[in-house]
Amino acid sequence: MPESPSRPVADGVLAPLPRWLRRTVAYGIAALVAAAVVAVVTVALLRVGVVAFALLAALLLTALLAPVATGLRRLGLPRAVAALAALLLLLGVPVGIGWLLYSRVMVQLEAVGPAVTAGLDRIREWLVTGPLGVDPARIDELRTSAFDAARAALPSPVAGTTTALHVLTGLLLVVFAVFFLAKDGDAMWRWFLSWVPEERRARVDGGGRLAWSTVTAYVRGTVLVALGDAVGIGLGLLVLGVPLWLSLALLTFVSAFVPIVGATIAGAAAVLVTLVTNGATDALLVLGLVLLVQQLEGNLLQPLVMSGVVKLHPLVTVSAVTVGTLLLGIAGAVLAVPVVAVGYRLVSYLAGRDHAPDDTDDERGGPDDPEGAASRRAPAEEPGPAILRGSPARR
């Protein structure tokens, strides 16, 4: 009598259980394994937090600079020269803005100082004599506590030096990585794909192109949204004659890279500065302006620019920003949403609910890939798209 095929021990143990319970156990084990993998990867990244953040920031900046490098290559510049020119542009813009702000702030501080002092005195008088009737001693106690907390939050000389060295190391690594990603990103991707088995290469290729298109669209969309917020709020502050309006507009632009939370912080700073310098009436006007700009952003600009890119519920966005902030501070707050967005798109792609970007243009070389034909003529051991150059080509 032939022996019946042996069943796995797990099947024999779970066979008496209902089918729904077996499925629950299987999914539970899979979830535990996935959580363990995520925990190990997170701990490993936190161990090398400077390197991990620098590489992720370099990817975001490369996505932002890709059109510049591509346009320069179209003009006939070599790849290295185009990448270097894009990198110099990346470094020059914040340096120029910083110098402009520094020069303006230094000039305005002398005039703003007395106004700030008078504004604080008006607020203190309103708190004491107004409807709140706060005890003056309580106000002095709160002010002293705030100064003590700020002083305690300052790092020691040794800790400050260490932090400065880490920041400098991270910035140098970002600059180094951006240059080579802009110059050789497509070759790096083809080299990576050459290690993927042939039968899975197209699947990995599609996932990589989808991830890169998500990052690229997110970064460019965020820049457009941040620019719209900064221009709207900056013009309103300028019309109201608020000192340091340019600095507040720049703060609005930078804060927009932290979704939802950043806009709230920047708006609160604008209202507070206006209250101290211009008074309560202008502060209320600025509050209305901030709310109007945020409503236009949330209901018009965000859906128009980010449609189909970041398919995340606001609760997921806030949770991601919170977790990122707890793990990596400001860096985690900035990187949380693009990382979660890419992960969601990849899971949807693997589940068959999403598809890789259309590469119709790449069949003709692509609008962002002037060397697409050369890329497709690459040797068999280096297949794949120019994924870090804008519009990747399918093998």
Protein backbone atom coordinates (compact mmCIF):
# COMPACT_ATOMS: atom_id res chain seq x y z
CA MET A 1 0.00 0.00 0.00
CA PRO A 2 1.54 3.30 -1.04
CA GLU A 3 2.31 5.72 1.73
CA SER A 4 0.28 8.89 1.82
CA PRO A 5 2.31 12.06 1.37
CA SER A 6 3.44 13.40 4.71
CA ARG A 7 1.97 16.70 5.86
CA PRO A 8 3.91 19.40 7.67
CA VAL A 9 3.85 19.14 11.41
CA ALA A 10 2.12 22.54 11.62
CA ASP A 11 -0.74 21.27 9.47
CA GLY A 12 -1.13 18.26 11.70
CA VAL A 13 -1.18 20.40 14.83
CA LEU A 14 -3.56 23.02 13.43
CA ALA A 15 -5.78 20.63 11.48
CA PRO A 16 -8.38 20.25 14.28
CA LEU A 17 -8.77 24.04 14.47
CA PRO A 18 -11.39 25.91 12.45
CA ARG A 19 -10.22 27.32 9.14
CA TRP A 20 -10.68 30.94 10.22
CA LEU A 21 -8.54 30.33 13.29
CA ARG A 22 -5.77 28.73 11.21
CA ARG A 23 -5.77 31.73 8.91
CA THR A 24 -5.66 34.06 11.91
CA VAL A 25 -2.67 32.21 13.35
CA ALA A 26 -0.88 32.28 10.00
CA TYR A 27 -1.46 36.01 9.54
CA GLY A 28 -0.43 36.64 13.14
CA ILE A 29 2.87 34.80 12.66
CA ALA A 30 3.50 36.70 9.44
CA ALA A 31 2.77 40.00 11.19
CA LEU A 32 5.17 39.14 14.03
CA VAL A 33 7.92 38.26 11.57
CA ALA A 34 7.35 41.49 9.64
CA ALA A 35 7.38 43.51 12.87
CA ALA A 36 10.64 41.83 13.91
CA VAL A 37 12.23 42.67 10.56
CA VAL A 38 11.07 46.29 10.80
CA ALA A 39 12.39 46.53 14.36
CA VAL A 40 15.81 45.16 13.37
CA VAL A 41 16.06 47.49 10.38
CA THR A 42 14.98 50.48 12.50
CA VAL A 43 17.56 49.72 15.20
CA ALA A 44 20.26 49.31 12.56
CA LEU A 45 19.35 52.63 10.93
CA LEU A 46 19.31 54.40 14.29
CA ARG A 47 22.81 53.07 14.95
CA VAL A 48 24.00 54.88 11.83
CA GLY A 49 21.44 57.66 11.93
CA VAL A 50 23.72 60.27 10.38
CA VAL A 51 24.50 58.08 7.36
CA ALA A 52 20.89 56.92 6.92
CA PHE A 53 19.48 60.43 7.10
CA ALA A 54 22.18 61.80 4.78
CA LEU A 55 21.46 59.19 2.10
CA LEU A 56 17.70 59.66 2.33
CA ALA A 57 18.10 63.44 2.16
CA ALA A 58 20.41 63.01 -0.83
CA LEU A 59 17.72 60.99 -2.63
CA LEU A 60 15.14 63.73 -2.03
CA LEU A 61 17.51 66.45 -3.21
CA THR A 62 18.50 64.41 -6.26
CA ALA A 63 14.84 64.07 -7.17
CA LEU A 64 14.53 67.85 -6.92
CA LEU A 65 17.65 68.50 -9.04
CA ALA A 66 17.01 65.84 -11.67
CA PRO A 67 15.31 68.24 -14.14
CA VAL A 68 18.21 70.71 -13.82
CA ALA A 69 20.86 68.08 -14.49
CA THR A 70 18.84 66.67 -17.39
CA GLY A 71 18.39 70.10 -18.96
CA LEU A 72 22.10 70.81 -18.72
CA ARG A 73 22.93 67.48 -20.37
CA ARG A 74 20.55 68.38 -23.19
CA LEU A 75 22.67 71.46 -23.77
CA GLY A 76 25.63 69.20 -24.41
CA LEU A 77 27.39 69.34 -21.05
CA PRO A 78 29.10 66.15 -19.83
CA ARG A 79 27.32 64.25 -17.09
CA ALA A 80 29.90 65.19 -14.44
CA VAL A 81 29.75 68.89 -15.32
CA ALA A 82 25.94 68.88 -15.36
CA ALA A 83 25.81 67.16 -11.97
CA LEU A 84 28.36 69.59 -10.52
CA ALA A 85 26.44 72.61 -11.86
CA ALA A 86 23.18 71.32 -10.35
CA LEU A 87 24.96 70.73 -7.04
CA LEU A 88 26.41 74.25 -7.04
CA LEU A 89 22.92 75.59 -7.67
CA LEU A 90 21.64 73.55 -4.73
CA LEU A 91 24.35 74.99 -2.48
CA GLY A 92 24.13 78.53 -3.83
CA VAL A 93 20.41 79.12 -3.35
CA PRO A 94 20.29 78.56 0.45
CA VAL A 95 23.59 80.42 0.94
CA GLY A 96 22.25 83.43 -0.98
CA ILE A 97 18.94 83.38 0.89
CA GLY A 98 20.78 83.06 4.20
CA TRP A 99 23.02 86.04 3.43
CA LEU A 100 20.00 88.13 2.38
CA LEU A 101 18.11 87.27 5.55
CA TYR A 102 21.12 87.91 7.76
CA SER A 103 21.71 91.34 6.25
CA ARG A 104 18.05 92.32 6.59
CA VAL A 105 17.62 90.93 10.10
CA MET A 106 20.72 92.74 11.38
CA VAL A 107 19.35 96.02 10.01
CA GLN A 108 15.85 95.47 11.40
CA LEU A 109 16.82 94.23 14.85
CA GLU A 110 17.69 97.72 16.09
CA ALA A 111 14.26 99.00 15.08
CA VAL A 112 12.39 95.87 16.12
CA GLY A 113 13.95 95.64 19.60
CA PRO A 114 12.03 98.54 21.17
CA ALA A 115 8.83 97.47 19.39
CA VAL A 116 9.16 93.95 20.79
CA THR A 117 9.75 95.28 24.30
CA ALA A 118 6.74 97.59 24.06
CA GLY A 119 4.61 94.75 22.66
CA LEU A 120 5.53 92.43 25.50
CA ASP A 121 4.72 95.16 28.01
CA ARG A 122 1.30 95.64 26.37
CA ILE A 123 0.58 91.91 26.54
CA ARG A 124 1.63 91.79 30.19
CA GLU A 125 -0.57 94.77 31.04
CA TRP A 126 -3.55 93.18 29.26
CA LEU A 127 -3.05 89.92 31.14
CA VAL A 128 -3.00 91.77 34.47
CA THR A 129 -5.70 94.41 33.92
CA GLY A 130 -7.81 92.58 31.34
CA PRO A 131 -10.60 90.07 31.84
CA LEU A 132 -8.16 87.32 32.84
CA GLY A 133 -6.82 89.21 35.85
CA VAL A 134 -3.58 87.25 36.10
CA ASP A 135 -1.43 87.88 39.17
CA PRO A 136 1.74 89.84 38.15
CA ALA A 137 3.87 87.61 40.35
CA ARG A 138 2.58 84.58 38.46
CA ILE A 139 3.59 86.16 35.14
CA ASP A 140 7.09 86.85 36.43
CA GLU A 141 7.32 83.29 37.70
CA LEU A 142 6.28 81.87 34.31
CA ARG A 143 8.79 84.09 32.51
CA THR A 144 11.58 82.96 34.82
CA SER A 145 10.61 79.32 34.33
CA ALA A 146 10.64 79.77 30.55
CA PHE A 147 14.12 81.31 30.61
CA ASP A 148 15.39 78.52 32.88
CA ALA A 149 13.91 75.83 30.61
CA ALA A 150 15.49 77.43 27.54
CA ARG A 151 18.85 77.64 29.28
CA ALA A 152 18.63 74.00 30.39
CA ALA A 153 17.77 72.92 26.85
CA LEU A 154 21.02 74.34 25.51
CA PRO A 155 23.64 71.60 25.05
CA SER A 156 26.90 71.58 26.95
CA PRO A 157 30.04 72.66 25.08
CA VAL A 158 31.10 69.04 24.55
CA ALA A 159 27.65 67.94 23.40
CA GLY A 160 27.34 70.99 21.17
CA THR A 161 30.70 70.27 19.54
CA THR A 162 29.76 66.63 18.98
CA THR A 163 26.43 67.60 17.46
CA ALA A 164 28.12 70.15 15.20
CA LEU A 165 30.59 67.51 13.97
CA HIS A 166 27.74 65.08 13.26
CA VAL A 167 25.83 67.75 11.33
CA LEU A 168 28.93 68.71 9.34
CA THR A 169 29.65 65.06 8.54
CA GLY A 170 26.06 64.54 7.42
CA LEU A 171 26.11 67.64 5.20
CA LEU A 172 29.37 66.59 3.53
CA LEU A 173 27.94 63.12 2.91
CA VAL A 174 24.76 64.64 1.44
CA VAL A 175 26.80 66.79 -0.96
CA PHE A 176 28.94 63.81 -1.97
CA ALA A 177 25.93 61.54 -2.46
CA VAL A 178 23.89 64.09 -4.43
CA PHE A 179 26.71 64.61 -6.91
CA PHE A 180 27.19 60.92 -7.64
CA LEU A 181 23.48 60.12 -7.67
CA ALA A 182 22.90 62.90 -10.20
CA LYS A 183 25.89 61.73 -12.24
CA ASP A 184 25.75 57.92 -12.01
CA GLY A 185 22.32 57.12 -10.57
CA ASP A 186 21.11 55.26 -13.66
CA ALA A 187 24.27 53.13 -13.77
CA MET A 188 23.83 52.31 -10.07
CA TRP A 189 20.29 51.14 -10.73
CA ARG A 190 21.34 49.00 -13.69
CA TRP A 191 24.10 47.44 -11.59
CA PHE A 192 21.58 46.65 -8.86
CA LEU A 193 19.17 45.06 -11.33
CA SER A 194 21.98 42.92 -12.75
CA TRP A 195 21.99 41.03 -9.41
CA VAL A 196 18.25 40.34 -9.55
CA PRO A 197 17.17 37.01 -11.09
CA GLU A 198 15.96 37.40 -14.65
CA GLU A 199 12.44 36.15 -13.90
CA ARG A 200 11.97 38.80 -11.18
CA ARG A 201 13.84 41.66 -12.81
CA ALA A 202 10.82 43.24 -14.47
CA ARG A 203 8.89 43.17 -11.19
CA VAL A 204 11.73 44.79 -9.25
CA ASP A 205 12.27 47.25 -12.09
CA GLY A 206 8.62 48.33 -11.97
CA GLY A 207 8.67 48.71 -8.20
CA GLY A 208 11.82 50.79 -8.35
CA ARG A 209 10.40 53.07 -11.03
CA LEU A 210 7.19 53.47 -9.05
CA ALA A 211 9.12 54.34 -5.87
CA TRP A 212 11.29 56.87 -7.68
CA SER A 213 8.35 58.51 -9.43
CA THR A 214 6.61 58.82 -6.05
CA VAL A 215 9.64 60.46 -4.45
CA THR A 216 10.15 62.80 -7.40
CA ALA A 217 6.51 63.89 -7.53
CA TYR A 218 6.37 64.30 -3.74
CA VAL A 219 9.45 66.51 -3.57
CA ARG A 220 8.48 68.73 -6.48
CA GLY A 221 4.89 68.97 -5.28
CA THR A 222 6.01 69.87 -1.75
CA VAL A 223 8.26 72.61 -3.10
CA LEU A 224 5.36 74.09 -5.09
CA VAL A 225 3.00 73.92 -2.11
CA ALA A 226 5.64 75.43 0.21
CA LEU A 227 6.30 78.21 -2.27
CA GLY A 228 2.58 78.99 -2.50
CA ASP A 229 2.26 79.17 1.29
CA ALA A 230 5.34 81.35 1.66
CA VAL A 231 4.27 83.79 -1.05
CA GLY A 232 0.71 84.09 0.27
CA ILE A 233 1.65 84.62 3.92
CA GLY A 234 4.74 86.70 3.08
CA LEU A 235 2.76 89.16 0.95
CA GLY A 236 0.13 89.52 3.67
CA LEU A 237 2.79 90.26 6.30
CA LEU A 238 4.44 92.76 3.95
CA VAL A 239 1.16 94.61 3.36
CA LEU A 240 0.52 94.80 7.12
CA GLY A 241 4.03 96.14 7.69
CA VAL A 242 5.13 93.30 9.97
CA PRO A 243 8.88 93.43 10.66
CA LEU A 244 10.90 90.38 9.67
CA TRP A 245 8.21 89.45 7.13
CA LEU A 246 10.84 87.91 4.85
CA SER A 247 12.18 85.71 7.64
CA LEU A 248 8.66 84.58 8.50
CA ALA A 249 7.96 83.80 4.84
CA LEU A 250 11.12 81.68 4.69
CA LEU A 251 10.09 79.92 7.91
CA THR A 252 6.73 79.16 6.29
CA PHE A 253 8.48 77.72 3.23
CA VAL A 254 10.80 75.48 5.27
CA SER A 255 8.06 74.37 7.68
CA ALA A 256 5.90 73.18 4.78
CA PHE A 257 8.24 70.19 4.38
CA VAL A 258 6.80 68.84 7.65
CA PRO A 259 3.19 68.10 6.61
CA ILE A 260 0.35 69.58 8.69
CA VAL A 261 2.50 70.18 11.79
CA GLY A 262 4.94 72.53 10.07
CA ALA A 263 2.24 74.82 8.71
CA THR A 264 0.70 75.11 12.18
CA ILE A 265 4.01 76.05 13.79
CA ALA A 266 4.88 78.60 11.10
CA GLY A 267 1.43 80.19 11.31
CA ALA A 268 1.63 80.43 15.09
CA ALA A 269 5.05 82.09 14.83
CA ALA A 270 3.73 84.64 12.33
CA VAL A 271 0.75 85.49 14.57
CA LEU A 272 2.92 85.75 17.68
CA VAL A 273 5.48 88.05 16.03
CA THR A 274 2.68 90.25 14.67
CA LEU A 275 1.04 90.40 18.09
CA VAL A 276 4.26 91.51 19.73
CA THR A 277 5.27 94.05 17.08
CA ASN A 278 2.01 95.36 15.57
CA GLY A 279 -0.67 94.66 18.15
CA ALA A 280 -3.78 92.53 18.52
CA THR A 281 -5.67 93.87 15.49
CA ASP A 282 -2.96 93.00 12.99
CA ALA A 283 -2.39 89.69 14.77
CA LEU A 284 -6.04 88.75 14.19
CA LEU A 285 -5.69 89.74 10.54
CA VAL A 286 -2.60 87.54 10.21
CA LEU A 287 -4.45 84.68 11.90
CA GLY A 288 -7.24 85.00 9.34
CA LEU A 289 -4.66 85.13 6.53
CA VAL A 290 -2.91 82.00 7.80
CA LEU A 291 -6.20 80.11 8.05
CA LEU A 292 -7.20 81.24 4.55
CA VAL A 293 -3.87 80.18 3.03
CA GLN A 294 -4.01 76.81 4.77
CA GLN A 295 -7.56 76.23 3.54
CA LEU A 296 -6.54 77.08 -0.03
CA GLU A 297 -3.57 74.75 0.32
CA GLY A 298 -5.56 71.86 1.74
CA ASN A 299 -8.56 72.13 -0.58
CA LEU A 300 -7.05 73.43 -3.81
CA LEU A 301 -3.25 73.37 -4.06
CA GLN A 302 -2.55 70.03 -2.35
CA PRO A 303 -5.14 68.03 -4.35
CA LEU A 304 -4.04 69.72 -7.57
CA VAL A 305 -0.31 69.13 -7.09
CA MET A 306 -0.27 65.92 -5.06
CA SER A 307 -3.18 64.12 -6.74
CA GLY A 308 -2.31 60.44 -7.11
CA VAL A 309 1.08 60.79 -5.40
CA VAL A 310 0.59 60.76 -1.62
CA LYS A 311 -2.51 58.62 -1.14
CA LEU A 312 -2.48 58.83 2.65
CA HIS A 313 -5.24 59.74 5.07
CA PRO A 314 -4.48 62.81 7.23
CA LEU A 315 -4.50 60.57 10.32
CA VAL A 316 -1.80 58.39 8.76
CA THR A 317 0.19 61.52 7.83
CA VAL A 318 0.05 62.94 11.36
CA SER A 319 0.93 59.55 12.87
CA ALA A 320 3.90 59.16 10.51
CA VAL A 321 5.20 62.64 11.35
CA THR A 322 4.81 61.95 15.07
CA VAL A 323 6.64 58.62 14.93
CA GLY A 324 9.37 60.10 12.73
CA THR A 325 9.85 62.97 15.16
CA LEU A 326 10.12 60.60 18.13
CA LEU A 327 12.68 58.42 16.35
CA LEU A 328 14.84 60.95 14.50
CA GLY A 329 13.70 64.40 15.58
CA ILE A 330 13.32 67.02 12.86
CA ALA A 331 14.96 64.73 10.30
CA GLY A 332 12.37 62.04 10.99
CA ALA A 333 9.53 64.54 10.71
CA VAL A 334 10.73 65.60 7.25
CA LEU A 335 11.36 62.06 5.95
CA ALA A 336 8.39 60.27 7.51
CA VAL A 337 5.72 61.07 4.92
CA PRO A 338 7.76 60.32 1.76
CA VAL A 339 8.98 57.03 3.28
CA VAL A 340 5.44 55.98 4.22
CA ALA A 341 4.11 57.11 0.84
CA VAL A 342 6.71 55.06 -1.02
CA GLY A 343 6.03 52.05 1.19
CA TYR A 344 2.29 52.30 0.59
CA ARG A 345 2.74 52.58 -3.18
CA LEU A 346 5.08 49.57 -3.21
CA VAL A 347 2.68 47.45 -1.18
CA SER A 348 -0.15 48.44 -3.53
CA TYR A 349 2.05 47.56 -6.52
CA LEU A 350 2.95 44.14 -5.13
CA ALA A 351 -0.72 43.49 -4.36
CA GLY A 352 -1.65 44.34 -7.94
CA ARG A 353 -3.60 47.48 -7.00
CA ASP A 354 -1.06 49.91 -8.46
CA HIS A 355 1.11 49.91 -11.56
CA ALA A 356 4.51 51.24 -12.56
CA PRO A 357 4.69 54.66 -14.25
CA ASP A 358 3.92 54.76 -17.93
CA ASP A 359 7.18 54.73 -19.85
CA THR A 360 5.79 55.50 -23.31
CA ASP A 361 8.15 58.42 -23.65
CA ASP A 362 11.09 56.23 -22.79
CA GLU A 363 10.53 54.14 -25.87
CA ARG A 364 11.55 57.27 -27.80
CA GLY A 365 14.34 58.18 -25.42
CA GLY A 366 12.10 60.03 -22.99
CA PRO A 367 11.77 63.74 -22.28
CA ASP A 368 13.99 63.37 -19.23
CA ASP A 369 16.34 60.82 -20.70
CA PRO A 370 18.28 62.19 -23.66
CA GLU A 371 20.59 59.21 -23.44
CA GLY A 372 17.77 56.68 -23.14
CA ALA A 373 18.75 54.86 -26.30
CA ALA A 374 22.28 54.41 -25.02
CA SER A 375 20.92 53.14 -21.72
CA ARG A 376 18.82 50.52 -23.48
CA ARG A 377 21.86 49.41 -25.48
CA ALA A 378 23.71 48.68 -22.25
CA PRO A 379 25.21 45.19 -21.85
CA ALA A 380 22.96 42.42 -20.62
CA GLU A 381 24.62 42.36 -17.22
CA GLU A 382 23.57 45.99 -16.68
CA PRO A 383 19.84 46.12 -17.50
CA GLY A 384 17.32 48.56 -16.15
CA PRO A 385 16.07 52.12 -16.23
CA ALA A 386 17.64 55.48 -15.70
CA ILE A 387 15.61 55.67 -12.51
CA LEU A 388 17.61 58.40 -10.85
CA ARG A 389 17.59 60.59 -13.89
CA GLY A 390 13.92 61.40 -14.21
CA SER A 391 12.02 59.16 -16.65
CA PRO A 392 13.32 55.57 -16.37
CA ALA A 393 13.32 53.16 -19.28
CA ARG A 394 12.06 49.62 -19.12
CA ARG A 395 14.26 46.81 -20.22
